[in-house]
Amino acid sequence: MPHIVDTHVGKRIRHRRWMMGVTQQQLAETIGIKFQQVQKYETGANRVSASRLWDISRALEVPVSFFFDGIENGNAVEEGEAGEAVRDVLADKEALQLIRAYYTMPEEQRRQIFELARVLSRAA
């Protein structure tokens, strides 16, 4: 059974890769491995070595610490202001598609979409 930290790091790799529009094959070629190895990293089936995580962070243009965001004392559960567990938004493919589309828009359109979402969320 994969360690929770390995699973968390793998999810963060997958989310960042997906947000950048990079395929597993493209990431694998960039860091010099086979795409099957990327699959194993992303599921947490294989642990990512420090040097490989360094390569992945460079390929995905984030600091190594990005892959550990959301981990506290080996626990990947985040809590909101009221102490309730927060759902992992990045695990939702629709949310990821929305985020990717949002950041491809010009800044003025992003502001308008953001304001619309705030208004609609209050009405719900």
PDB file of N, CA and C in Angstrom:
ATOM      1  N   MET A   1       0.855  -1.181   0.000  1.00  0.00           N
ATOM      2  CA  MET A   1       0.000   0.000   0.000  1.00  0.00           C
ATOM      3  C   MET A   1       0.900   1.244   0.000  1.00  0.00           C
ATOM      4  N   PRO A   2       0.636   2.180  -0.914  1.00  0.00           N
ATOM      5  CA  PRO A   2       1.466   3.385  -0.998  1.00  0.00           C
ATOM      6  C   PRO A   2       1.354   4.244   0.275  1.00  0.00           C
ATOM      7  N   HIS A   3       2.436   4.882   0.618  1.00  0.00           N
ATOM      8  CA  HIS A   3       2.447   5.814   1.746  1.00  0.00           C
ATOM      9  C   HIS A   3       1.654   7.051   1.359  1.00  0.00           C
ATOM     10  N   ILE A   4       0.950   7.650   2.321  1.00  0.00           N
ATOM     11  CA  ILE A   4       0.101   8.812   2.036  1.00  0.00           C
ATOM     12  C   ILE A   4       0.886   9.964   1.409  1.00  0.00           C
ATOM     13  N   VAL A   5       2.141  10.138   1.803  1.00  0.00           N
ATOM     14  CA  VAL A   5       2.951  11.219   1.240  1.00  0.00           C
ATOM     15  C   VAL A   5       3.277  10.923  -0.222  1.00  0.00           C
ATOM     16  N   ASP A   6       3.584   9.669  -0.539  1.00  0.00           N
ATOM     17  CA  ASP A   6       3.860   9.302  -1.937  1.00  0.00           C
ATOM     18  C   ASP A   6       2.628   9.529  -2.807  1.00  0.00           C
ATOM     19  N   THR A   7       1.469   9.187  -2.284  1.00  0.00           N
ATOM     20  CA  THR A   7       0.216   9.405  -3.014  1.00  0.00           C
ATOM     21  C   THR A   7      -0.037  10.895  -3.207  1.00  0.00           C
ATOM     22  N   HIS A   8       0.191  11.683  -2.165  1.00  0.00           N
ATOM     23  CA  HIS A   8      -0.024  13.132  -2.245  1.00  0.00           C
ATOM     24  C   HIS A   8       0.913  13.770  -3.273  1.00  0.00           C
ATOM     25  N   VAL A   9       2.186  13.411  -3.221  1.00  0.00           N
ATOM     26  CA  VAL A   9       3.161  13.946  -4.174  1.00  0.00           C
ATOM     27  C   VAL A   9       2.759  13.554  -5.595  1.00  0.00           C
ATOM     28  N   GLY A  10       2.338  12.319  -5.790  1.00  0.00           N
ATOM     29  CA  GLY A  10       1.901  11.867  -7.105  1.00  0.00           C
ATOM     30  C   GLY A  10       0.709  12.656  -7.621  1.00  0.00           C
ATOM     31  N   LYS A  11      -0.256  12.932  -6.741  1.00  0.00           N
ATOM     32  CA  LYS A  11      -1.416  13.738  -7.143  1.00  0.00           C
ATOM     33  C   LYS A  11      -0.986  15.142  -7.553  1.00  0.00           C
ATOM     34  N   ARG A  12      -0.054  15.707  -6.797  1.00  0.00           N
ATOM     35  CA  ARG A  12       0.406  17.058  -7.114  1.00  0.00           C
ATOM     36  C   ARG A  12       1.147  17.080  -8.450  1.00  0.00           C
ATOM     37  N   ILE A  13       1.902  16.025  -8.750  1.00  0.00           N
ATOM     38  CA  ILE A  13       2.574  15.930 -10.053  1.00  0.00           C
ATOM     39  C   ILE A  13       1.515  15.894 -11.154  1.00  0.00           C
ATOM     40  N   ARG A  14       0.524  15.011 -10.989  1.00  0.00           N
ATOM     41  CA  ARG A  14      -0.521  14.871 -11.996  1.00  0.00           C
ATOM     42  C   ARG A  14      -1.287  16.180 -12.201  1.00  0.00           C
ATOM     43  N   HIS A  15      -1.653  16.836 -11.110  1.00  0.00           N
ATOM     44  CA  HIS A  15      -2.412  18.079 -11.228  1.00  0.00           C
ATOM     45  C   HIS A  15      -1.615  19.172 -11.927  1.00  0.00           C
ATOM     46  N   ARG A  16      -0.364  19.313 -11.549  1.00  0.00           N
ATOM     47  CA  ARG A  16       0.460  20.354 -12.175  1.00  0.00           C
ATOM     48  C   ARG A  16       0.690  20.045 -13.650  1.00  0.00           C
ATOM     49  N   ARG A  17       0.962  18.790 -13.955  1.00  0.00           N
ATOM     50  CA  ARG A  17       1.179  18.382 -15.347  1.00  0.00           C
ATOM     51  C   ARG A  17      -0.072  18.674 -16.157  1.00  0.00           C
ATOM     52  N   TRP A  18      -1.222  18.316 -15.607  1.00  0.00           N
ATOM     53  CA  TRP A  18      -2.474  18.526 -16.309  1.00  0.00           C
ATOM     54  C   TRP A  18      -2.759  20.011 -16.493  1.00  0.00           C
ATOM     55  N   MET A  19      -2.503  20.823 -15.469  1.00  0.00           N
ATOM     56  CA  MET A  19      -2.737  22.260 -15.550  1.00  0.00           C
ATOM     57  C   MET A  19      -1.876  22.903 -16.636  1.00  0.00           C
ATOM     58  N   MET A  20      -0.703  22.359 -16.849  1.00  0.00           N
ATOM     59  CA  MET A  20       0.193  22.895 -17.874  1.00  0.00           C
ATOM     60  C   MET A  20      -0.117  22.327 -19.259  1.00  0.00           C
ATOM     61  N   GLY A  21      -1.026  21.366 -19.324  1.00  0.00           N
ATOM     62  CA  GLY A  21      -1.350  20.759 -20.614  1.00  0.00           C
ATOM     63  C   GLY A  21      -0.257  19.841 -21.125  1.00  0.00           C
ATOM     64  N   VAL A  22       0.475  19.232 -20.207  1.00  0.00           N
ATOM     65  CA  VAL A  22       1.585  18.338 -20.557  1.00  0.00           C
ATOM     66  C   VAL A  22       1.113  16.896 -20.400  1.00  0.00           C
ATOM     67  N   THR A  23       1.387  16.063 -21.381  1.00  0.00           N
ATOM     68  CA  THR A  23       1.021  14.648 -21.286  1.00  0.00           C
ATOM     69  C   THR A  23       2.058  13.899 -20.461  1.00  0.00           C
ATOM     70  N   GLN A  24       1.688  12.702 -20.034  1.00  0.00           N
ATOM     71  CA  GLN A  24       2.659  11.859 -19.323  1.00  0.00           C
ATOM     72  C   GLN A  24       3.859  11.568 -20.215  1.00  0.00           C
ATOM     73  N   GLN A  25       3.610  11.334 -21.493  1.00  0.00           N
ATOM     74  CA  GLN A  25       4.691  11.058 -22.442  1.00  0.00           C
ATOM     75  C   GLN A  25       5.643  12.251 -22.547  1.00  0.00           C
ATOM     76  N   GLN A  26       5.084  13.453 -22.645  1.00  0.00           N
ATOM     77  CA  GLN A  26       5.922  14.645 -22.766  1.00  0.00           C
ATOM     78  C   GLN A  26       6.772  14.848 -21.505  1.00  0.00           C
ATOM     79  N   LEU A  27       6.155  14.676 -20.342  1.00  0.00           N
ATOM     80  CA  LEU A  27       6.919  14.820 -19.098  1.00  0.00           C
ATOM     81  C   LEU A  27       8.018  13.775 -19.030  1.00  0.00           C
ATOM     82  N   ALA A  28       7.669  12.551 -19.372  1.00  0.00           N
ATOM     83  CA  ALA A  28       8.649  11.462 -19.338  1.00  0.00           C
ATOM     84  C   ALA A  28       9.845  11.759 -20.246  1.00  0.00           C
ATOM     85  N   GLU A  29       9.569  12.214 -21.455  1.00  0.00           N
ATOM     86  CA  GLU A  29      10.650  12.526 -22.385  1.00  0.00           C
ATOM     87  C   GLU A  29      11.521  13.662 -21.864  1.00  0.00           C
ATOM     88  N   THR A  30      10.895  14.656 -21.266  1.00  0.00           N
ATOM     89  CA  THR A  30      11.645  15.803 -20.740  1.00  0.00           C
ATOM     90  C   THR A  30      12.615  15.393 -19.638  1.00  0.00           C
ATOM     91  N   ILE A  31      12.185  14.451 -18.789  1.00  0.00           N
ATOM     92  CA  ILE A  31      13.054  14.073 -17.658  1.00  0.00           C
ATOM     93  C   ILE A  31      13.806  12.765 -17.899  1.00  0.00           C
ATOM     94  N   GLY A  32      13.630  12.184 -19.092  1.00  0.00           N
ATOM     95  CA  GLY A  32      14.431  11.023 -19.479  1.00  0.00           C
ATOM     96  C   GLY A  32      13.993   9.692 -18.908  1.00  0.00           C
ATOM     97  N   ILE A  33      12.675   9.485 -18.785  1.00  0.00           N
ATOM     98  CA  ILE A  33      12.158   8.202 -18.318  1.00  0.00           C
ATOM     99  C   ILE A  33      11.019   7.767 -19.232  1.00  0.00           C
ATOM    100  N   LYS A  34      10.465   6.589 -18.984  1.00  0.00           N
ATOM    101  CA  LYS A  34       9.323   6.094 -19.755  1.00  0.00           C
ATOM    102  C   LYS A  34       8.027   6.609 -19.121  1.00  0.00           C
ATOM    103  N   PHE A  35       6.984   6.762 -19.958  1.00  0.00           N
ATOM    104  CA  PHE A  35       5.739   7.323 -19.439  1.00  0.00           C
ATOM    105  C   PHE A  35       5.103   6.417 -18.386  1.00  0.00           C
ATOM    106  N   GLN A  36       5.381   5.109 -18.441  1.00  0.00           N
ATOM    107  CA  GLN A  36       4.836   4.195 -17.436  1.00  0.00           C
ATOM    108  C   GLN A  36       5.346   4.542 -16.042  1.00  0.00           C
ATOM    109  N   GLN A  37       6.587   5.039 -15.991  1.00  0.00           N
ATOM    110  CA  GLN A  37       7.152   5.434 -14.705  1.00  0.00           C
ATOM    111  C   GLN A  37       6.422   6.666 -14.169  1.00  0.00           C
ATOM    112  N   VAL A  38       6.079   7.595 -15.056  1.00  0.00           N
ATOM    113  CA  VAL A  38       5.305   8.772 -14.643  1.00  0.00           C
ATOM    114  C   VAL A  38       3.966   8.311 -14.083  1.00  0.00           C
ATOM    115  N   GLN A  39       3.323   7.336 -14.742  1.00  0.00           N
ATOM    116  CA  GLN A  39       2.051   6.798 -14.243  1.00  0.00           C
ATOM    117  C   GLN A  39       2.210   6.257 -12.830  1.00  0.00           C
ATOM    118  N   LYS A  40       3.273   5.530 -12.602  1.00  0.00           N
ATOM    119  CA  LYS A  40       3.507   4.942 -11.279  1.00  0.00           C
ATOM    120  C   LYS A  40       3.770   6.021 -10.228  1.00  0.00           C
ATOM    121  N   TYR A  41       4.491   7.072 -10.608  1.00  0.00           N
ATOM    122  CA  TYR A  41       4.700   8.188  -9.686  1.00  0.00           C
ATOM    123  C   TYR A  41       3.377   8.845  -9.326  1.00  0.00           C
ATOM    124  N   GLU A  42       2.548   9.074 -10.333  1.00  0.00           N
ATOM    125  CA  GLU A  42       1.299   9.802 -10.128  1.00  0.00           C
ATOM    126  C   GLU A  42       0.297   9.034  -9.264  1.00  0.00           C
ATOM    127  N   THR A  43       0.350   7.735  -9.283  1.00  0.00           N
ATOM    128  CA  THR A  43      -0.553   6.938  -8.447  1.00  0.00           C
ATOM    129  C   THR A  43       0.035   6.679  -7.066  1.00  0.00           C
ATOM    130  N   GLY A  44       1.308   6.982  -6.894  1.00  0.00           N
ATOM    131  CA  GLY A  44       1.963   6.703  -5.627  1.00  0.00           C
ATOM    132  C   GLY A  44       2.474   5.282  -5.542  1.00  0.00           C
ATOM    133  N   ALA A  45       2.332   4.501  -6.625  1.00  0.00           N
ATOM    134  CA  ALA A  45       2.801   3.117  -6.636  1.00  0.00           C
ATOM    135  C   ALA A  45       4.320   3.059  -6.501  1.00  0.00           C
ATOM    136  N   ASN A  46       5.017   4.028  -7.096  1.00  0.00           N
ATOM    137  CA  ASN A  46       6.475   4.143  -6.967  1.00  0.00           C
ATOM    138  C   ASN A  46       6.812   5.475  -6.314  1.00  0.00           C
ATOM    139  N   ARG A  47       7.771   5.439  -5.420  1.00  0.00           N
ATOM    140  CA  ARG A  47       8.228   6.665  -4.784  1.00  0.00           C
ATOM    141  C   ARG A  47       9.113   7.440  -5.750  1.00  0.00           C
ATOM    142  N   VAL A  48       9.033   8.756  -5.634  1.00  0.00           N
ATOM    143  CA  VAL A  48       9.849   9.632  -6.465  1.00  0.00           C
ATOM    144  C   VAL A  48      11.114   9.964  -5.681  1.00  0.00           C
ATOM    145  N   SER A  49      12.266   9.681  -6.261  1.00  0.00           N
ATOM    146  CA  SER A  49      13.518  10.014  -5.584  1.00  0.00           C
ATOM    147  C   SER A  49      13.699  11.528  -5.556  1.00  0.00           C
ATOM    148  N   ALA A  50      14.574  11.997  -4.678  1.00  0.00           N
ATOM    149  CA  ALA A  50      14.815  13.439  -4.551  1.00  0.00           C
ATOM    150  C   ALA A  50      15.316  14.027  -5.869  1.00  0.00           C
ATOM    151  N   SER A  51      16.239  13.343  -6.522  1.00  0.00           N
ATOM    152  CA  SER A  51      16.780  13.881  -7.777  1.00  0.00           C
ATOM    153  C   SER A  51      15.725  13.881  -8.887  1.00  0.00           C
ATOM    154  N   ARG A  52      14.867  12.861  -8.920  1.00  0.00           N
ATOM    155  CA  ARG A  52      13.815  12.810  -9.926  1.00  0.00           C
ATOM    156  C   ARG A  52      12.775  13.892  -9.641  1.00  0.00           C
ATOM    157  N   LEU A  53      12.451  14.123  -8.366  1.00  0.00           N
ATOM    158  CA  LEU A  53      11.498  15.175  -8.023  1.00  0.00           C
ATOM    159  C   LEU A  53      12.062  16.536  -8.422  1.00  0.00           C
ATOM    160  N   TRP A  54      13.355  16.695  -8.282  1.00  0.00           N
ATOM    161  CA  TRP A  54      14.022  17.920  -8.724  1.00  0.00           C
ATOM    162  C   TRP A  54      13.826  18.112 -10.233  1.00  0.00           C
ATOM    163  N   ASP A  55      14.044  17.038 -10.998  1.00  0.00           N
ATOM    164  CA  ASP A  55      13.854  17.100 -12.452  1.00  0.00           C
ATOM    165  C   ASP A  55      12.403  17.426 -12.810  1.00  0.00           C
ATOM    166  N   ILE A  56      11.475  16.790 -12.112  1.00  0.00           N
ATOM    167  CA  ILE A  56      10.049  17.019 -12.372  1.00  0.00           C
ATOM    168  C   ILE A  56       9.674  18.455 -12.039  1.00  0.00           C
ATOM    169  N   SER A  57      10.202  18.972 -10.937  1.00  0.00           N
ATOM    170  CA  SER A  57       9.880  20.355 -10.555  1.00  0.00           C
ATOM    171  C   SER A  57      10.380  21.337 -11.604  1.00  0.00           C
ATOM    172  N   ARG A  58      11.536  21.068 -12.182  1.00  0.00           N
ATOM    173  CA  ARG A  58      12.070  21.936 -13.236  1.00  0.00           C
ATOM    174  C   ARG A  58      11.211  21.825 -14.503  1.00  0.00           C
ATOM    175  N   ALA A  59      10.830  20.613 -14.857  1.00  0.00           N
ATOM    176  CA  ALA A  59      10.017  20.404 -16.058  1.00  0.00           C
ATOM    177  C   ALA A  59       8.635  21.036 -15.920  1.00  0.00           C
ATOM    178  N   LEU A  60       8.080  21.022 -14.705  1.00  0.00           N
ATOM    179  CA  LEU A  60       6.739  21.558 -14.483  1.00  0.00           C
ATOM    180  C   LEU A  60       6.766  22.987 -13.928  1.00  0.00           C
ATOM    181  N   GLU A  61       7.967  23.553 -13.852  1.00  0.00           N
ATOM    182  CA  GLU A  61       8.153  24.966 -13.494  1.00  0.00           C
ATOM    183  C   GLU A  61       7.561  25.345 -12.142  1.00  0.00           C
ATOM    184  N   VAL A  62       7.826  24.507 -11.143  1.00  0.00           N
ATOM    185  CA  VAL A  62       7.422  24.805  -9.770  1.00  0.00           C
ATOM    186  C   VAL A  62       8.570  24.440  -8.831  1.00  0.00           C
ATOM    187  N   PRO A  63       8.606  25.034  -7.633  1.00  0.00           N
ATOM    188  CA  PRO A  63       9.626  24.611  -6.673  1.00  0.00           C
ATOM    189  C   PRO A  63       9.299  23.207  -6.152  1.00  0.00           C
ATOM    190  N   VAL A  64      10.287  22.497  -5.679  1.00  0.00           N
ATOM    191  CA  VAL A  64      10.082  21.149  -5.144  1.00  0.00           C
ATOM    192  C   VAL A  64       9.044  21.177  -4.024  1.00  0.00           C
ATOM    193  N   SER A  65       9.027  22.227  -3.246  1.00  0.00           N
ATOM    194  CA  SER A  65       8.077  22.332  -2.128  1.00  0.00           C
ATOM    195  C   SER A  65       6.621  22.278  -2.586  1.00  0.00           C
ATOM    196  N   PHE A  66       6.353  22.641  -3.835  1.00  0.00           N
ATOM    197  CA  PHE A  66       4.988  22.596  -4.373  1.00  0.00           C
ATOM    198  C   PHE A  66       4.361  21.218  -4.174  1.00  0.00           C
ATOM    199  N   PHE A  67       5.146  20.173  -4.344  1.00  0.00           N
ATOM    200  CA  PHE A  67       4.620  18.812  -4.279  1.00  0.00           C
ATOM    201  C   PHE A  67       4.244  18.382  -2.864  1.00  0.00           C
ATOM    202  N   PHE A  68       4.692  19.147  -1.867  1.00  0.00           N
ATOM    203  CA  PHE A  68       4.389  18.822  -0.480  1.00  0.00           C
ATOM    204  C   PHE A  68       3.353  19.755   0.128  1.00  0.00           C
ATOM    205  N   ASP A  69       2.882  20.738  -0.632  1.00  0.00           N
ATOM    206  CA  ASP A  69       1.836  21.632  -0.130  1.00  0.00           C
ATOM    207  C   ASP A  69       0.623  20.815   0.278  1.00  0.00           C
ATOM    208  N   GLY A  70       0.069  21.121   1.446  1.00  0.00           N
ATOM    209  CA  GLY A  70      -1.104  20.406   1.937  1.00  0.00           C
ATOM    210  C   GLY A  70      -0.778  19.229   2.822  1.00  0.00           C
ATOM    211  N   ILE A  71       0.488  18.962   3.047  1.00  0.00           N
ATOM    212  CA  ILE A  71       0.888  17.862   3.936  1.00  0.00           C
ATOM    213  C   ILE A  71       1.360  18.467   5.262  1.00  0.00           C
ATOM    214  N   GLU A  72       0.754  18.033   6.335  1.00  0.00           N
ATOM    215  CA  GLU A  72       1.177  18.439   7.672  1.00  0.00           C
ATOM    216  C   GLU A  72       1.350  17.182   8.506  1.00  0.00           C
ATOM    217  N   ASN A  73       2.530  16.948   9.014  1.00  0.00           N
ATOM    218  CA  ASN A  73       2.800  15.780   9.862  1.00  0.00           C
ATOM    219  C   ASN A  73       2.379  14.470   9.194  1.00  0.00           C
ATOM    220  N   GLY A  74       2.596  14.379   7.877  1.00  0.00           N
ATOM    221  CA  GLY A  74       2.268  13.156   7.151  1.00  0.00           C
ATOM    222  C   GLY A  74       0.788  12.967   6.914  1.00  0.00           C
ATOM    223  N   ASN A  75       0.000  14.027   7.142  1.00  0.00           N
ATOM    224  CA  ASN A  75      -1.449  13.940   6.981  1.00  0.00           C
ATOM    225  C   ASN A  75      -1.873  14.870   5.852  1.00  0.00           C
ATOM    226  N   ALA A  76      -2.562  14.343   4.855  1.00  0.00           N
ATOM    227  CA  ALA A  76      -2.949  15.132   3.686  1.00  0.00           C
ATOM    228  C   ALA A  76      -4.326  15.764   3.810  1.00  0.00           C
ATOM    229  N   VAL A  77      -4.984  15.622   4.946  1.00  0.00           N
ATOM    230  CA  VAL A  77      -6.315  16.193   5.123  1.00  0.00           C
ATOM    231  C   VAL A  77      -6.170  17.646   5.540  1.00  0.00           C
ATOM    232  N   GLU A  78      -6.818  18.522   4.786  1.00  0.00           N
ATOM    233  CA  GLU A  78      -6.798  19.940   5.100  1.00  0.00           C
ATOM    234  C   GLU A  78      -8.086  20.293   5.820  1.00  0.00           C
ATOM    235  N   GLU A  79      -8.033  21.312   6.654  1.00  0.00           N
ATOM    236  CA  GLU A  79      -9.232  21.742   7.366  1.00  0.00           C
ATOM    237  C   GLU A  79      -9.548  23.171   7.015  1.00  0.00           C
ATOM    238  N   GLY A  80     -10.837  23.468   6.953  1.00  0.00           N
ATOM    239  CA  GLY A  80     -11.306  24.823   6.697  1.00  0.00           C
ATOM    240  C   GLY A  80     -11.381  25.618   7.983  1.00  0.00           C
ATOM    241  N   GLU A  81     -11.930  26.824   7.889  1.00  0.00           N
ATOM    242  CA  GLU A  81     -12.009  27.710   9.042  1.00  0.00           C
ATOM    243  C   GLU A  81     -12.807  27.106  10.183  1.00  0.00           C
ATOM    244  N   ALA A  82     -13.859  26.371   9.896  1.00  0.00           N
ATOM    245  CA  ALA A  82     -14.701  25.793  10.938  1.00  0.00           C
ATOM    246  C   ALA A  82     -14.192  24.433  11.404  1.00  0.00           C
ATOM    247  N   GLY A  83     -13.039  23.993  10.874  1.00  0.00           N
ATOM    248  CA  GLY A  83     -12.456  22.722  11.287  1.00  0.00           C
ATOM    249  C   GLY A  83     -12.933  21.533  10.477  1.00  0.00           C
ATOM    250  N   GLU A  84     -13.831  21.749   9.512  1.00  0.00           N
ATOM    251  CA  GLU A  84     -14.315  20.633   8.704  1.00  0.00           C
ATOM    252  C   GLU A  84     -13.283  20.269   7.645  1.00  0.00           C
ATOM    253  N   ALA A  85     -13.320  19.028   7.213  1.00  0.00           N
ATOM    254  CA  ALA A  85     -12.393  18.586   6.162  1.00  0.00           C
ATOM    255  C   ALA A  85     -12.740  19.296   4.865  1.00  0.00           C
ATOM    256  N   VAL A  86     -11.718  19.775   4.173  1.00  0.00           N
ATOM    257  CA  VAL A  86     -11.902  20.456   2.898  1.00  0.00           C
ATOM    258  C   VAL A  86     -11.699  19.446   1.783  1.00  0.00           C
ATOM    259  N   ARG A  87     -12.633  19.400   0.832  1.00  0.00           N
ATOM    260  CA  ARG A  87     -12.543  18.499  -0.305  1.00  0.00           C
ATOM    261  C   ARG A  87     -11.378  18.924  -1.187  1.00  0.00           C
ATOM    262  N   ASP A  88     -10.660  17.976  -1.710  1.00  0.00           N
ATOM    263  CA  ASP A  88      -9.548  18.249  -2.604  1.00  0.00           C
ATOM    264  C   ASP A  88     -10.096  18.677  -3.960  1.00  0.00           C
ATOM    265  N   VAL A  89     -10.146  19.986  -4.182  1.00  0.00           N
ATOM    266  CA  VAL A  89     -10.704  20.527  -5.417  1.00  0.00           C
ATOM    267  C   VAL A  89      -9.904  20.042  -6.616  1.00  0.00           C
ATOM    268  N   LEU A  90      -8.614  19.874  -6.447  1.00  0.00           N
ATOM    269  CA  LEU A  90      -7.783  19.456  -7.572  1.00  0.00           C
ATOM    270  C   LEU A  90      -8.014  18.000  -7.961  1.00  0.00           C
ATOM    271  N   ALA A  91      -8.778  17.261  -7.169  1.00  0.00           N
ATOM    272  CA  ALA A  91      -9.104  15.883  -7.542  1.00  0.00           C
ATOM    273  C   ALA A  91     -10.301  15.839  -8.486  1.00  0.00           C
ATOM    274  N   ASP A  92     -10.967  16.962  -8.657  1.00  0.00           N
ATOM    275  CA  ASP A  92     -12.149  17.061  -9.502  1.00  0.00           C
ATOM    276  C   ASP A  92     -11.723  17.528 -10.891  1.00  0.00           C
ATOM    277  N   LYS A  93     -11.892  16.666 -11.895  1.00  0.00           N
ATOM    278  CA  LYS A  93     -11.436  16.987 -13.250  1.00  0.00           C
ATOM    279  C   LYS A  93     -12.141  18.221 -13.802  1.00  0.00           C
ATOM    280  N   GLU A  94     -13.432  18.379 -13.497  1.00  0.00           N
ATOM    281  CA  GLU A  94     -14.173  19.544 -13.964  1.00  0.00           C
ATOM    282  C   GLU A  94     -13.593  20.830 -13.373  1.00  0.00           C
ATOM    283  N   ALA A  95     -13.220  20.780 -12.103  1.00  0.00           N
ATOM    284  CA  ALA A  95     -12.615  21.956 -11.463  1.00  0.00           C
ATOM    285  C   ALA A  95     -11.281  22.290 -12.123  1.00  0.00           C
ATOM    286  N   LEU A  96     -10.512  21.273 -12.447  1.00  0.00           N
ATOM    287  CA  LEU A  96      -9.233  21.507 -13.120  1.00  0.00           C
ATOM    288  C   LEU A  96      -9.441  22.126 -14.502  1.00  0.00           C
ATOM    289  N   GLN A  97     -10.446  21.663 -15.224  1.00  0.00           N
ATOM    290  CA  GLN A  97     -10.734  22.232 -16.541  1.00  0.00           C
ATOM    291  C   GLN A  97     -11.151  23.690 -16.413  1.00  0.00           C
ATOM    292  N   LEU A  98     -11.948  23.982 -15.391  1.00  0.00           N
ATOM    293  CA  LEU A  98     -12.373  25.358 -15.153  1.00  0.00           C
ATOM    294  C   LEU A  98     -11.180  26.253 -14.824  1.00  0.00           C
ATOM    295  N   ILE A  99     -10.289  25.774 -13.986  1.00  0.00           N
ATOM    296  CA  ILE A  99      -9.112  26.553 -13.611  1.00  0.00           C
ATOM    297  C   ILE A  99      -8.220  26.797 -14.829  1.00  0.00           C
ATOM    298  N   ARG A 100      -8.011  25.758 -15.628  1.00  0.00           N
ATOM    299  CA  ARG A 100      -7.174  25.907 -16.819  1.00  0.00           C
ATOM    300  C   ARG A 100      -7.782  26.935 -17.778  1.00  0.00           C
ATOM    301  N   ALA A 101      -9.097  26.839 -18.000  1.00  0.00           N
ATOM    302  CA  ALA A 101      -9.774  27.786 -18.888  1.00  0.00           C
ATOM    303  C   ALA A 101      -9.695  29.204 -18.331  1.00  0.00           C
ATOM    304  N   TYR A 102      -9.860  29.337 -17.032  1.00  0.00           N
ATOM    305  CA  TYR A 102      -9.810  30.645 -16.364  1.00  0.00           C
ATOM    306  C   TYR A 102      -8.475  31.341 -16.624  1.00  0.00           C
ATOM    307  N   TYR A 103      -7.383  30.598 -16.488  1.00  0.00           N
ATOM    308  CA  TYR A 103      -6.066  31.212 -16.645  1.00  0.00           C
ATOM    309  C   TYR A 103      -5.645  31.419 -18.100  1.00  0.00           C
ATOM    310  N   THR A 104      -6.428  30.911 -19.043  1.00  0.00           N
ATOM    311  CA  THR A 104      -6.123  31.209 -20.444  1.00  0.00           C
ATOM    312  C   THR A 104      -6.810  32.487 -20.905  1.00  0.00           C
ATOM    313  N   MET A 105      -7.713  33.012 -20.081  1.00  0.00           N
ATOM    314  CA  MET A 105      -8.436  34.247 -20.419  1.00  0.00           C
ATOM    315  C   MET A 105      -7.583  35.475 -20.136  1.00  0.00           C
ATOM    316  N   PRO A 106      -7.846  36.561 -20.852  1.00  0.00           N
ATOM    317  CA  PRO A 106      -7.196  37.830 -20.513  1.00  0.00           C
ATOM    318  C   PRO A 106      -7.614  38.266 -19.103  1.00  0.00           C
ATOM    319  N   GLU A 107      -6.763  39.044 -18.450  1.00  0.00           N
ATOM    320  CA  GLU A 107      -6.978  39.421 -17.050  1.00  0.00           C
ATOM    321  C   GLU A 107      -8.333  40.088 -16.811  1.00  0.00           C
ATOM    322  N   GLU A 108      -8.748  40.975 -17.693  1.00  0.00           N
ATOM    323  CA  GLU A 108     -10.034  41.663 -17.505  1.00  0.00           C
ATOM    324  C   GLU A 108     -11.196  40.670 -17.514  1.00  0.00           C
ATOM    325  N   GLN A 109     -11.162  39.707 -18.413  1.00  0.00           N
ATOM    326  CA  GLN A 109     -12.213  38.689 -18.450  1.00  0.00           C
ATOM    327  C   GLN A 109     -12.185  37.823 -17.197  1.00  0.00           C
ATOM    328  N   ARG A 110     -10.980  37.523 -16.707  1.00  0.00           N
ATOM    329  CA  ARG A 110     -10.872  36.740 -15.470  1.00  0.00           C
ATOM    330  C   ARG A 110     -11.543  37.470 -14.318  1.00  0.00           C
ATOM    331  N   ARG A 111     -11.302  38.772 -14.202  1.00  0.00           N
ATOM    332  CA  ARG A 111     -11.926  39.547 -13.125  1.00  0.00           C
ATOM    333  C   ARG A 111     -13.444  39.495 -13.228  1.00  0.00           C
ATOM    334  N   GLN A 112     -13.968  39.616 -14.452  1.00  0.00           N
ATOM    335  CA  GLN A 112     -15.418  39.578 -14.648  1.00  0.00           C
ATOM    336  C   GLN A 112     -15.998  38.203 -14.289  1.00  0.00           C
ATOM    337  N   ILE A 113     -15.318  37.151 -14.703  1.00  0.00           N
ATOM    338  CA  ILE A 113     -15.765  35.793 -14.369  1.00  0.00           C
ATOM    339  C   ILE A 113     -15.717  35.585 -12.860  1.00  0.00           C
ATOM    340  N   PHE A 114     -14.671  36.068 -12.224  1.00  0.00           N
ATOM    341  CA  PHE A 114     -14.539  35.939 -10.771  1.00  0.00           C
ATOM    342  C   PHE A 114     -15.699  36.639 -10.069  1.00  0.00           C
ATOM    343  N   GLU A 115     -16.002  37.847 -10.479  1.00  0.00           N
ATOM    344  CA  GLU A 115     -17.111  38.594  -9.859  1.00  0.00           C
ATOM    345  C   GLU A 115     -18.437  37.884 -10.093  1.00  0.00           C
ATOM    346  N   LEU A 116     -18.656  37.356 -11.288  1.00  0.00           N
ATOM    347  CA  LEU A 116     -19.877  36.615 -11.586  1.00  0.00           C
ATOM    348  C   LEU A 116     -19.989  35.388 -10.667  1.00  0.00           C
ATOM    349  N   ALA A 117     -18.899  34.659 -10.509  1.00  0.00           N
ATOM    350  CA  ALA A 117     -18.914  33.482  -9.645  1.00  0.00           C
ATOM    351  C   ALA A 117     -19.224  33.847  -8.201  1.00  0.00           C
ATOM    352  N   ARG A 118     -18.658  34.963  -7.721  1.00  0.00           N
ATOM    353  CA  ARG A 118     -18.953  35.402  -6.342  1.00  0.00           C
ATOM    354  C   ARG A 118     -20.425  35.708  -6.178  1.00  0.00           C
ATOM    355  N   VAL A 119     -21.011  36.421  -7.144  1.00  0.00           N
ATOM    356  CA  VAL A 119     -22.432  36.784  -7.070  1.00  0.00           C
ATOM    357  C   VAL A 119     -23.297  35.521  -7.105  1.00  0.00           C
ATOM    358  N   LEU A 120     -22.986  34.619  -8.016  1.00  0.00           N
ATOM    359  CA  LEU A 120     -23.775  33.396  -8.141  1.00  0.00           C
ATOM    360  C   LEU A 120     -23.650  32.516  -6.903  1.00  0.00           C
ATOM    361  N   SER A 121     -22.483  32.477  -6.284  1.00  0.00           N
ATOM    362  CA  SER A 121     -22.307  31.638  -5.099  1.00  0.00           C
ATOM    363  C   SER A 121     -23.115  32.163  -3.918  1.00  0.00           C
ATOM    364  N   ARG A 122     -23.291  33.459  -3.837  1.00  0.00           N
ATOM    365  CA  ARG A 122     -24.118  34.055  -2.771  1.00  0.00           C
ATOM    366  C   ARG A 122     -25.593  33.752  -3.005  1.00  0.00           C
ATOM    367  N   ALA A 123     -25.988  33.650  -4.267  1.00  0.00           N
ATOM    368  CA  ALA A 123     -27.396  33.404  -4.600  1.00  0.00           C
ATOM    369  C   ALA A 123     -27.785  31.951  -4.391  1.00  0.00           C
ATOM    370  N   ALA A 124     -26.823  31.058  -4.377  1.00  0.00           N
ATOM    371  CA  ALA A 124     -27.117  29.619  -4.273  1.00  0.00           C
ATOM    372  C   ALA A 124     -27.553  29.205  -2.893  1.00  0.00           C
TER     373      ALA A 124
END
